[in-house]
C-alpha atoms as a PDB file:
ATOM      1  CA  MET A   1      11.520   8.571 -23.175  1.00  0.00           C
ATOM      2  CA  SER A   2       8.062   9.046 -24.659  1.00  0.00           C
ATOM      3  CA  ILE A   3       5.126   9.679 -22.351  1.00  0.00           C
ATOM      4  CA  ASP A   4       3.392   6.421 -23.295  1.00  0.00           C
ATOM      5  CA  MET A   5       6.504   4.472 -22.268  1.00  0.00           C
ATOM      6  CA  GLN A   6       6.709   6.456 -19.009  1.00  0.00           C
ATOM      7  CA  LEU A   7       3.071   5.658 -18.282  1.00  0.00           C
ATOM      8  CA  GLN A   8       3.611   1.997 -19.139  1.00  0.00           C
ATOM      9  CA  ALA A   9       6.743   1.756 -16.970  1.00  0.00           C
ATOM     10  CA  THR A  10       5.001   3.503 -14.077  1.00  0.00           C
ATOM     11  CA  ALA A  11       2.031   1.156 -14.343  1.00  0.00           C
ATOM     12  CA  ASN A  12       4.385  -1.841 -14.273  1.00  0.00           C
ATOM     13  CA  VAL A  13       6.226  -0.540 -11.217  1.00  0.00           C
ATOM     14  CA  LEU A  14       2.948   0.216  -9.430  1.00  0.00           C
ATOM     15  CA  ARG A  15       1.750  -3.347 -10.115  1.00  0.00           C
ATOM     16  CA  ARG A  16       4.517  -4.534  -7.737  1.00  0.00           C
ATOM     17  CA  GLY A  17       2.278  -3.151  -5.022  1.00  0.00           C
ATOM     18  CA  ASP A  18       0.193  -6.326  -5.421  1.00  0.00           C
ATOM     19  CA  SER A  19       3.090  -8.425  -4.118  1.00  0.00           C
ATOM     20  CA  LEU A  20       3.545  -6.091  -1.169  1.00  0.00           C
ATOM     21  CA  ASP A  21      -0.170  -6.293  -0.455  1.00  0.00           C
ATOM     22  CA  ARG A  22      -0.141 -10.100  -0.445  1.00  0.00           C
ATOM     23  CA  LEU A  23       2.802 -10.168   1.983  1.00  0.00           C
ATOM     24  CA  SER A  24       1.074  -7.624   4.201  1.00  0.00           C
ATOM     25  CA  THR A  25      -2.172  -9.598   4.132  1.00  0.00           C
ATOM     26  CA  GLY A  26      -0.303 -12.671   5.368  1.00  0.00           C
ATOM     27  CA  LEU A  27       1.323 -10.692   8.173  1.00  0.00           C
ATOM     28  CA  THR A  28      -2.014  -9.118   9.091  1.00  0.00           C
ATOM     29  CA  LEU A  29      -3.616 -12.563   9.305  1.00  0.00           C
ATOM     30  CA  LEU A  30      -0.676 -13.683  11.435  1.00  0.00           C
ATOM     31  CA  GLY A  31      -1.392 -10.755  13.733  1.00  0.00           C
ATOM     32  CA  ALA A  32      -5.056 -11.712  13.940  1.00  0.00           C
ATOM     33  CA  LEU A  33      -4.168 -15.327  14.753  1.00  0.00           C
ATOM     34  CA  LEU A  34      -1.679 -14.165  17.354  1.00  0.00           C
ATOM     35  CA  GLY A  35      -4.347 -12.050  18.997  1.00  0.00           C
ATOM     36  CA  LEU A  36      -6.904 -14.831  18.919  1.00  0.00           C
ATOM     37  CA  SER A  37      -4.410 -17.351  20.294  1.00  0.00           C
ATOM     38  CA  GLN A  38      -4.433 -15.452  23.590  1.00  0.00           C
ATOM     39  CA  TYR A  39      -7.808 -17.002  24.275  1.00  0.00           C
ATOM     40  CA  LEU A  40      -6.591 -20.545  23.590  1.00  0.00           C
ATOM     41  CA  VAL A  41      -2.997 -20.788  24.796  1.00  0.00           C
ATOM     42  CA  PRO A  42      -1.385 -18.782  27.564  1.00  0.00           C
ATOM     43  CA  GLY A  43       1.502 -16.823  26.107  1.00  0.00           C
ATOM     44  CA  PRO A  44       3.456 -13.653  26.642  1.00  0.00           C
ATOM     45  CA  GLY A  45       0.188 -11.828  27.272  1.00  0.00           C
ATOM     46  CA  LEU A  46       0.400  -8.070  26.844  1.00  0.00           C
ATOM     47  CA  TRP A  47       3.354  -8.151  24.443  1.00  0.00           C
ATOM     48  CA  SER A  48       1.541 -10.577  22.214  1.00  0.00           C
ATOM     49  CA  LEU A  49      -1.544  -8.365  22.120  1.00  0.00           C
ATOM     50  CA  VAL A  50       0.551  -5.273  21.385  1.00  0.00           C
ATOM     51  CA  CYS A  51       2.288  -7.061  18.510  1.00  0.00           C
ATOM     52  CA  SER A  52      -1.027  -8.387  17.243  1.00  0.00           C
ATOM     53  CA  GLY A  53      -2.641  -4.959  17.381  1.00  0.00           C
ATOM     54  CA  GLY A  54       0.358  -3.369  15.692  1.00  0.00           C
ATOM     55  CA  LEU A  55       0.277  -5.882  12.850  1.00  0.00           C
ATOM     56  CA  LEU A  56      -3.449  -5.359  12.379  1.00  0.00           C
ATOM     57  CA  VAL A  57      -3.231  -1.552  12.362  1.00  0.00           C
ATOM     58  CA  LEU A  58      -0.234  -1.512  10.022  1.00  0.00           C
ATOM     59  CA  GLY A  59      -1.954  -4.059   7.777  1.00  0.00           C
ATOM     60  CA  LEU A  60      -5.155  -2.041   7.489  1.00  0.00           C
ATOM     61  CA  TRP A  61      -3.211   1.141   6.848  1.00  0.00           C
ATOM     62  CA  GLN A  62      -1.171  -0.649   4.182  1.00  0.00           C
ATOM     63  CA  LYS A  63      -4.381  -1.960   2.603  1.00  0.00           C
ATOM     64  CA  TYR A  64      -5.565   1.635   2.116  1.00  0.00           C
ATOM     65  CA  TRP A  65      -2.353   2.543   0.288  1.00  0.00           C
ATOM     66  CA  ALA A  66      -2.518  -0.703  -1.714  1.00  0.00           C
ATOM     67  CA  LEU A  67      -5.966   0.278  -2.987  1.00  0.00           C
ATOM     68  CA  ARG A  68      -4.691   3.704  -4.003  1.00  0.00           C
ATOM     69  CA  VAL A  69      -1.602   2.239  -5.713  1.00  0.00           C
ATOM     70  CA  GLY A  70      -3.715  -0.349  -7.548  1.00  0.00           C
ATOM     71  CA  PHE A  71      -6.120   2.349  -8.725  1.00  0.00           C
ATOM     72  CA  ASP A  72      -3.229   4.425 -10.066  1.00  0.00           C
ATOM     73  CA  ALA A  73      -1.660   1.385 -11.726  1.00  0.00           C
ATOM     74  CA  ASP A  74      -4.899   0.665 -13.584  1.00  0.00           C
ATOM     75  CA  LEU A  75      -5.244   4.311 -14.648  1.00  0.00           C
ATOM     76  CA  PHE A  76      -1.674   4.511 -15.901  1.00  0.00           C
ATOM     77  CA  ARG A  77      -2.048   1.239 -17.803  1.00  0.00           C
ATOM     78  CA  HIS A  78      -5.325   2.401 -19.377  1.00  0.00           C
ATOM     79  CA  LEU A  79      -3.844   5.740 -20.426  1.00  0.00           C
ATOM     80  CA  ALA A  80      -0.643   4.161 -21.767  1.00  0.00           C
ATOM     81  CA  ASP A  81      -2.660   1.796 -23.951  1.00  0.00           C
ATOM     82  CA  ARG A  82      -4.397   4.762 -25.586  1.00  0.00           C
ATOM     83  CA  ALA A  83      -1.682   7.427 -25.461  1.00  0.00           C
ATOM     84  CA  GLU A  84      -2.353   8.816 -28.956  1.00  0.00           C
ATOM     85  CA  ASP A  85      -4.936  11.303 -27.594  1.00  0.00           C
ATOM     86  CA  LEU A  86      -3.347  11.881 -24.196  1.00  0.00           C
ATOM     87  CA  PRO A  87      -4.066  15.621 -23.791  1.00  0.00           C
ATOM     88  CA  GLN A  88      -7.815  15.101 -24.247  1.00  0.00           C
ATOM     89  CA  ARG A  89      -7.814  11.951 -22.126  1.00  0.00           C
ATOM     90  CA  THR A  90      -5.904  13.787 -19.382  1.00  0.00           C
ATOM     91  CA  GLN A  91      -8.517  16.521 -19.343  1.00  0.00           C
ATOM     92  CA  ASP A  92     -11.296  13.904 -19.230  1.00  0.00           C
ATOM     93  CA  LEU A  93      -9.510  12.106 -16.392  1.00  0.00           C
ATOM     94  CA  ASP A  94      -9.174  15.328 -14.381  1.00  0.00           C
ATOM     95  CA  GLN A  95     -12.866  16.081 -14.861  1.00  0.00           C
ATOM     96  CA  ALA A  96     -13.847  12.563 -13.820  1.00  0.00           C
ATOM     97  CA  LEU A  97     -11.625  12.597 -10.729  1.00  0.00           C
ATOM     98  CA  THR A  98     -12.970  16.014  -9.725  1.00  0.00           C
ATOM     99  CA  ALA A  99     -16.575  14.894 -10.250  1.00  0.00           C
ATOM    100  CA  LEU A 100     -15.966  11.828  -8.075  1.00  0.00           C
ATOM    101  CA  GLY A 101     -14.362  13.952  -5.346  1.00  0.00           C
ATOM    102  CA  MET A 102     -11.033  12.184  -5.738  1.00  0.00           C
ATOM    103  CA  GLN A 103      -9.087  15.279  -6.798  1.00  0.00           C
ATOM    104  CA  PRO A 104      -9.546  18.988  -6.107  1.00  0.00           C
ATOM    105  CA  ALA A 105     -10.294  21.016  -9.252  1.00  0.00           C
ATOM    106  CA  GLU A 106      -7.144  23.125  -8.830  1.00  0.00           C
ATOM    107  CA  ARG A 107      -4.942  19.994  -9.083  1.00  0.00           C
ATOM    108  CA  GLY A 108      -6.142  19.314 -12.615  1.00  0.00           C
ATOM    109  CA  GLY A 109      -3.815  19.994 -15.521  1.00  0.00           C
ATOM    110  CA  ARG A 110      -0.671  18.891 -13.696  1.00  0.00           C
ATOM    111  CA  PRO A 111       2.156  17.574 -15.871  1.00  0.00           C
ATOM    112  CA  TRP A 112       2.545  13.824 -16.047  1.00  0.00           C
ATOM    113  CA  SER A 113       5.949  13.970 -14.367  1.00  0.00           C
ATOM    114  CA  GLU A 114       4.241  15.252 -11.180  1.00  0.00           C
ATOM    115  CA  ARG A 115       1.555  12.593 -11.403  1.00  0.00           C
ATOM    116  CA  ILE A 116       4.151   9.853 -11.838  1.00  0.00           C
ATOM    117  CA  THR A 117       6.170  11.165  -8.878  1.00  0.00           C
ATOM    118  CA  GLY A 118       3.022  11.230  -6.733  1.00  0.00           C
ATOM    119  CA  ALA A 119       2.041   7.692  -7.700  1.00  0.00           C
ATOM    120  CA  LEU A 120       5.512   6.366  -6.888  1.00  0.00           C
ATOM    121  CA  LYS A 121       5.370   8.163  -3.524  1.00  0.00           C
ATOM    122  CA  LEU A 122       2.206   6.177  -2.721  1.00  0.00           C
ATOM    123  CA  LEU A 123       4.038   2.947  -3.548  1.00  0.00           C
ATOM    124  CA  ARG A 124       6.915   3.944  -1.236  1.00  0.00           C
ATOM    125  CA  ARG A 125       4.428   4.599   1.593  1.00  0.00           C
ATOM    126  CA  GLN A 126       2.908   1.175   1.045  1.00  0.00           C
ATOM    127  CA  ALA A 127       6.359  -0.437   1.049  1.00  0.00           C
ATOM    128  CA  LEU A 128       7.343   1.337   4.286  1.00  0.00           C
ATOM    129  CA  LEU A 129       4.272  -0.021   6.041  1.00  0.00           C
ATOM    130  CA  VAL A 130       5.078  -3.558   4.872  1.00  0.00           C
ATOM    131  CA  VAL A 131       8.657  -3.130   6.105  1.00  0.00           C
ATOM    132  CA  ALA A 132       7.279  -1.973   9.476  1.00  0.00           C
ATOM    133  CA  GLN A 133       5.094  -5.098   9.628  1.00  0.00           C
ATOM    134  CA  VAL A 134       8.046  -7.352   8.808  1.00  0.00           C
ATOM    135  CA  LEU A 135      10.230  -5.675  11.434  1.00  0.00           C
ATOM    136  CA  LEU A 136       7.503  -5.933  14.075  1.00  0.00           C
ATOM    137  CA  THR A 137       7.061  -9.613  13.273  1.00  0.00           C
ATOM    138  CA  LEU A 138      10.805 -10.274  13.449  1.00  0.00           C
ATOM    139  CA  PHE A 139      11.062  -8.344  16.713  1.00  0.00           C
ATOM    140  CA  PHE A 140       8.308 -10.434  18.243  1.00  0.00           C
ATOM    141  CA  ILE A 141       9.810 -13.711  17.006  1.00  0.00           C
ATOM    142  CA  LEU A 142      13.271 -12.832  18.294  1.00  0.00           C
ATOM    143  CA  ALA A 143      12.021 -11.349  21.580  1.00  0.00           C
ATOM    144  CA  SER A 144       9.495 -14.096  22.371  1.00  0.00           C
ATOM    145  CA  PRO A 145      11.834 -16.233  24.470  1.00  0.00           C
ATOM    146  CA  TRP A 146      12.728 -13.249  26.649  1.00  0.00           C
ATOM    147  CA  LEU A 147       9.144 -12.072  26.842  1.00  0.00           C
ATOM    148  CA  ASN A 148       8.078 -15.481  28.159  1.00  0.00           C
ATOM    149  CA  VAL A 149      10.771 -15.364  30.845  1.00  0.00           C
ATOM    150  CA  ALA A 150      10.031 -11.745  31.807  1.00  0.00           C
ATOM    151  CA  GLY A 151       6.417 -12.449  31.594  1.00  0.00           C
END
C-alpha cells in the first residue's frame, strides 16, 4: 500500500474518534446532571456522587485524547492530500511540532509506520475511556435499585 493511501486510511480511522467524543460528551453531561440532581431530588446519595464524579473525570480525560486524535486526523488528512512531496513535508512537520513544543527534537525523522501506530494507540486510549464511561453508567443503572434499598 502506498504511503498516501496509508495516511488517508489512518486519517479516516482517526475521524471515528469524533463519534466516540460525542458519545462521551453525552455521558459526561449525564454525569453532571446526576451530580446536580442530588440538590433537587433525594437519591442514592454517595453512590450517585461517586458515579457522577467518575463520569466527569473519565469524560474530561477522554476529551483530552479526543483533541489529540482529532489533531492527528487533520494532520494525516493534510499530508495525504499533498503526498507528492512527503519527505520535505515530513521534515517541515517535525520542525513545526518541535518549535511548538509538541514533539521533542529527537523524535523527528521517525518512519510513518511508527507515527501511524502511535496515532492509532491514541484512538484506542480514547475508546477505552469511552468504554469505561459506558460501563460505569450501566453499573449505576443496574445497581440503582439496590443502592436505594441499601441506602
